[in-house]
Amino acid sequence: MGASSNVTTVLWGTAWTSQTLLARAIRALRQTEERDQVRRVFIVPWEVVAEEVPPYGAYVRGEIGRLGPNHPFVKTQYDLEEIDGQGGMSPPATRTLMVGTHLRARPSRGASMPCWWTWPANRRSAWKGTSCAPKSRARIPLP
């Protein structure tokens, strides 16, 4: 609806990776800025905000002290960096440490597996043969 009257669109948030909508929009707008010299991207670092709002500065310094300067939250939310491949539960350096030369181990057929290991496609048979089988005939809601 705004296209018919050329309204201003405001995007804000954290561009966690280069693939987020915000990061892609910033790149596209910067290219347009280079062509026509009209400023479209306004980014305010936390230090600038802290000058105007000292309690915010104290908060951010506390978070950086608590999490460390290389934490994904600090890099993205406060240092305004994109962190492709550095976030998540297992960044590349951690995944490298998980690589082994041993053969993959599989449980034997009769082994009792924890409930969270697998979830069969046939939910009605999900409990059969596991240590998670219900002890009574009470209905257990399945997802």
C-alpha atoms as a PDB file:
ATOM      1  CA  MET A   1       0.000   0.000   0.000  1.00  0.00           C
ATOM      2  CA  GLY A   2       2.868   2.355   0.722  1.00  0.00           C
ATOM      3  CA  ALA A   3       4.332   1.935  -2.756  1.00  0.00           C
ATOM      4  CA  SER A   4       1.615   4.089  -4.289  1.00  0.00           C
ATOM      5  CA  SER A   5       2.594   7.087  -2.158  1.00  0.00           C
ATOM      6  CA  ASN A   6       6.348   6.434  -1.811  1.00  0.00           C
ATOM      7  CA  VAL A   7       6.275   6.073   1.993  1.00  0.00           C
ATOM      8  CA  THR A   8       9.398   5.642   4.065  1.00  0.00           C
ATOM      9  CA  THR A   9      10.055   2.104   5.273  1.00  0.00           C
ATOM     10  CA  VAL A  10      11.933   1.683   8.527  1.00  0.00           C
ATOM     11  CA  LEU A  11      13.816  -1.537   9.278  1.00  0.00           C
ATOM     12  CA  TRP A  12      15.594  -2.041  12.585  1.00  0.00           C
ATOM     13  CA  GLY A  13      16.992  -4.905  14.569  1.00  0.00           C
ATOM     14  CA  THR A  14      20.047  -7.116  14.600  1.00  0.00           C
ATOM     15  CA  ALA A  15      21.618  -8.372  11.370  1.00  0.00           C
ATOM     16  CA  TRP A  16      22.924 -11.629  12.841  1.00  0.00           C
ATOM     17  CA  THR A  17      24.225 -12.984   9.528  1.00  0.00           C
ATOM     18  CA  SER A  18      24.603 -11.714   5.982  1.00  0.00           C
ATOM     19  CA  GLN A  19      21.503 -13.727   5.036  1.00  0.00           C
ATOM     20  CA  THR A  20      19.016 -11.919   7.293  1.00  0.00           C
ATOM     21  CA  LEU A  21      16.479  -9.555   5.736  1.00  0.00           C
ATOM     22  CA  LEU A  22      18.048  -6.588   7.521  1.00  0.00           C
ATOM     23  CA  ALA A  23      21.579  -7.352   6.298  1.00  0.00           C
ATOM     24  CA  ARG A  24      20.421  -7.841   2.711  1.00  0.00           C
ATOM     25  CA  ALA A  25      18.401  -4.609   2.827  1.00  0.00           C
ATOM     26  CA  ILE A  26      21.390  -2.666   4.177  1.00  0.00           C
ATOM     27  CA  ARG A  27      23.619  -3.947   1.353  1.00  0.00           C
ATOM     28  CA  ALA A  28      21.038  -3.081  -1.294  1.00  0.00           C
ATOM     29  CA  LEU A  29      20.443   0.388   0.143  1.00  0.00           C
ATOM     30  CA  ARG A  30      24.181   1.112   0.382  1.00  0.00           C
ATOM     31  CA  GLN A  31      24.536   0.291  -3.305  1.00  0.00           C
ATOM     32  CA  THR A  32      21.722   2.729  -4.063  1.00  0.00           C
ATOM     33  CA  GLU A  33      23.376   5.338  -1.816  1.00  0.00           C
ATOM     34  CA  GLU A  34      26.581   5.053  -3.849  1.00  0.00           C
ATOM     35  CA  ARG A  35      24.675   5.663  -7.082  1.00  0.00           C
ATOM     36  CA  ASP A  36      22.604   8.677  -6.061  1.00  0.00           C
ATOM     37  CA  GLN A  37      24.411  10.005  -2.944  1.00  0.00           C
ATOM     38  CA  VAL A  38      21.179  10.023  -0.873  1.00  0.00           C
ATOM     39  CA  ARG A  39      21.660   8.613   2.602  1.00  0.00           C
ATOM     40  CA  ARG A  40      19.309   5.735   3.383  1.00  0.00           C
ATOM     41  CA  VAL A  41      21.123   3.679   6.032  1.00  0.00           C
ATOM     42  CA  PHE A  42      21.470   5.017   9.557  1.00  0.00           C
ATOM     43  CA  ILE A  43      23.420   2.844  11.984  1.00  0.00           C
ATOM     44  CA  VAL A  44      24.068   4.006  15.533  1.00  0.00           C
ATOM     45  CA  PRO A  45      26.815   2.220  17.513  1.00  0.00           C
ATOM     46  CA  TRP A  46      26.181   1.548  21.202  1.00  0.00           C
ATOM     47  CA  GLU A  47      28.911   4.011  22.224  1.00  0.00           C
ATOM     48  CA  VAL A  48      26.965   6.869  20.624  1.00  0.00           C
ATOM     49  CA  VAL A  49      23.765   5.841  22.405  1.00  0.00           C
ATOM     50  CA  ALA A  50      25.724   5.520  25.683  1.00  0.00           C
ATOM     51  CA  GLU A  51      26.801   9.164  25.416  1.00  0.00           C
ATOM     52  CA  GLU A  52      23.132  10.186  25.437  1.00  0.00           C
ATOM     53  CA  VAL A  53      21.900   7.481  27.829  1.00  0.00           C
ATOM     54  CA  PRO A  54      24.621   6.703  30.412  1.00  0.00           C
ATOM     55  CA  PRO A  55      22.675   3.848  32.098  1.00  0.00           C
ATOM     56  CA  TYR A  56      22.547   2.080  28.731  1.00  0.00           C
ATOM     57  CA  GLY A  57      26.324   2.449  28.408  1.00  0.00           C
ATOM     58  CA  ALA A  58      26.783   0.938  31.869  1.00  0.00           C
ATOM     59  CA  TYR A  59      24.508  -1.937  30.911  1.00  0.00           C
ATOM     60  CA  VAL A  60      26.374  -2.685  27.660  1.00  0.00           C
ATOM     61  CA  ARG A  61      29.775  -2.509  29.380  1.00  0.00           C
ATOM     62  CA  GLY A  62      28.432  -4.962  31.954  1.00  0.00           C
ATOM     63  CA  GLU A  63      27.228  -7.334  29.242  1.00  0.00           C
ATOM     64  CA  ILE A  64      30.570  -7.156  27.435  1.00  0.00           C
ATOM     65  CA  GLY A  65      32.324  -7.862  30.744  1.00  0.00           C
ATOM     66  CA  ARG A  66      29.982 -10.769  31.509  1.00  0.00           C
ATOM     67  CA  LEU A  67      29.938 -12.392  28.056  1.00  0.00           C
ATOM     68  CA  GLY A  68      33.303 -11.309  26.650  1.00  0.00           C
ATOM     69  CA  PRO A  69      33.978  -9.204  23.548  1.00  0.00           C
ATOM     70  CA  ASN A  70      33.869 -12.202  21.173  1.00  0.00           C
ATOM     71  CA  HIS A  71      30.451 -13.484  22.240  1.00  0.00           C
ATOM     72  CA  PRO A  72      27.931 -13.639  19.352  1.00  0.00           C
ATOM     73  CA  PHE A  73      25.487 -11.366  21.223  1.00  0.00           C
ATOM     74  CA  VAL A  74      28.175  -8.728  21.752  1.00  0.00           C
ATOM     75  CA  LYS A  75      29.440  -8.896  18.173  1.00  0.00           C
ATOM     76  CA  THR A  76      25.968  -8.649  16.625  1.00  0.00           C
ATOM     77  CA  GLN A  77      23.891  -6.528  18.990  1.00  0.00           C
ATOM     78  CA  TYR A  78      26.507  -4.064  20.197  1.00  0.00           C
ATOM     79  CA  ASP A  79      29.411  -4.139  17.709  1.00  0.00           C
ATOM     80  CA  LEU A  80      26.904  -4.426  14.800  1.00  0.00           C
ATOM     81  CA  GLU A  81      28.863  -7.179  13.029  1.00  0.00           C
ATOM     82  CA  GLU A  82      27.490 -10.034  10.935  1.00  0.00           C
ATOM     83  CA  ILE A  83      28.781 -13.383  12.154  1.00  0.00           C
ATOM     84  CA  ASP A  84      28.251 -15.902   9.362  1.00  0.00           C
ATOM     85  CA  GLY A  85      29.378 -19.319  10.552  1.00  0.00           C
ATOM     86  CA  GLN A  86      30.417 -18.141  14.009  1.00  0.00           C
ATOM     87  CA  GLY A  87      27.158 -18.487  15.906  1.00  0.00           C
ATOM     88  CA  GLY A  88      25.038 -21.418  16.901  1.00  0.00           C
ATOM     89  CA  MET A  89      25.637 -24.270  19.256  1.00  0.00           C
ATOM     90  CA  SER A  90      28.671 -25.528  17.364  1.00  0.00           C
ATOM     91  CA  PRO A  91      30.764 -22.975  15.481  1.00  0.00           C
ATOM     92  CA  PRO A  92      33.323 -24.335  12.979  1.00  0.00           C
ATOM     93  CA  ALA A  93      36.191 -24.434  15.510  1.00  0.00           C
ATOM     94  CA  THR A  94      34.093 -26.542  17.898  1.00  0.00           C
ATOM     95  CA  ARG A  95      32.918 -28.881  15.130  1.00  0.00           C
ATOM     96  CA  THR A  96      36.538 -29.453  14.160  1.00  0.00           C
ATOM     97  CA  LEU A  97      37.243 -30.706  17.679  1.00  0.00           C
ATOM     98  CA  MET A  98      34.418 -33.257  17.350  1.00  0.00           C
ATOM     99  CA  VAL A  99      35.922 -35.073  14.387  1.00  0.00           C
ATOM    100  CA  GLY A 100      37.397 -38.479  15.215  1.00  0.00           C
ATOM    101  CA  THR A 101      39.043 -41.333  13.353  1.00  0.00           C
ATOM    102  CA  HIS A 102      36.992 -44.056  15.065  1.00  0.00           C
ATOM    103  CA  LEU A 103      34.125 -45.941  13.437  1.00  0.00           C
ATOM    104  CA  ARG A 104      30.639 -44.723  14.141  1.00  0.00           C
ATOM    105  CA  ALA A 105      29.088 -46.632  17.014  1.00  0.00           C
ATOM    106  CA  ARG A 106      25.474 -47.779  16.869  1.00  0.00           C
ATOM    107  CA  PRO A 107      23.475 -49.252  19.742  1.00  0.00           C
ATOM    108  CA  SER A 108      22.747 -52.988  19.527  1.00  0.00           C
ATOM    109  CA  ARG A 109      19.246 -54.085  18.501  1.00  0.00           C
ATOM    110  CA  GLY A 110      18.166 -54.856  22.057  1.00  0.00           C
ATOM    111  CA  ALA A 111      19.627 -51.707  23.586  1.00  0.00           C
ATOM    112  CA  SER A 112      17.282 -49.361  25.349  1.00  0.00           C
ATOM    113  CA  MET A 113      17.546 -45.879  23.846  1.00  0.00           C
ATOM    114  CA  PRO A 114      16.542 -42.664  25.586  1.00  0.00           C
ATOM    115  CA  CYS A 115      13.207 -41.248  24.421  1.00  0.00           C
ATOM    116  CA  TRP A 116      14.796 -38.183  22.869  1.00  0.00           C
ATOM    117  CA  TRP A 117      17.042 -40.099  20.463  1.00  0.00           C
ATOM    118  CA  THR A 118      14.525 -40.785  17.733  1.00  0.00           C
ATOM    119  CA  TRP A 119      10.914 -40.207  16.976  1.00  0.00           C
ATOM    120  CA  PRO A 120       9.527 -42.792  14.548  1.00  0.00           C
ATOM    121  CA  ALA A 121       7.308 -41.753  11.685  1.00  0.00           C
ATOM    122  CA  ASN A 122       4.597 -44.057  13.041  1.00  0.00           C
ATOM    123  CA  ARG A 123       3.790 -42.333  16.339  1.00  0.00           C
ATOM    124  CA  ARG A 124       1.524 -45.149  17.537  1.00  0.00           C
ATOM    125  CA  SER A 125       4.506 -47.490  17.741  1.00  0.00           C
ATOM    126  CA  ALA A 126       6.775 -44.846  19.239  1.00  0.00           C
ATOM    127  CA  TRP A 127       6.728 -46.397  22.697  1.00  0.00           C
ATOM    128  CA  LYS A 128       7.159 -50.061  21.745  1.00  0.00           C
ATOM    129  CA  GLY A 129      10.423 -51.581  22.882  1.00  0.00           C
ATOM    130  CA  THR A 130      11.771 -48.484  24.624  1.00  0.00           C
ATOM    131  CA  SER A 131      12.374 -47.675  28.230  1.00  0.00           C
ATOM    132  CA  CYS A 132       9.921 -44.827  27.719  1.00  0.00           C
ATOM    133  CA  ALA A 133       6.935 -47.119  27.275  1.00  0.00           C
ATOM    134  CA  PRO A 134       3.980 -46.030  29.423  1.00  0.00           C
ATOM    135  CA  LYS A 135       3.524 -48.100  32.565  1.00  0.00           C
ATOM    136  CA  SER A 136      -0.260 -47.927  32.368  1.00  0.00           C
ATOM    137  CA  ARG A 137      -2.934 -47.696  29.700  1.00  0.00           C
ATOM    138  CA  ALA A 138      -3.394 -43.968  30.332  1.00  0.00           C
ATOM    139  CA  ARG A 139      -3.286 -41.950  27.149  1.00  0.00           C
ATOM    140  CA  ILE A 140      -0.154 -39.864  26.708  1.00  0.00           C
ATOM    141  CA  PRO A 141      -0.606 -36.907  24.354  1.00  0.00           C
ATOM    142  CA  LEU A 142       1.730 -37.163  21.401  1.00  0.00           C
ATOM    143  CA  PRO A 143       2.960 -34.178  19.431  1.00  0.00           C
END
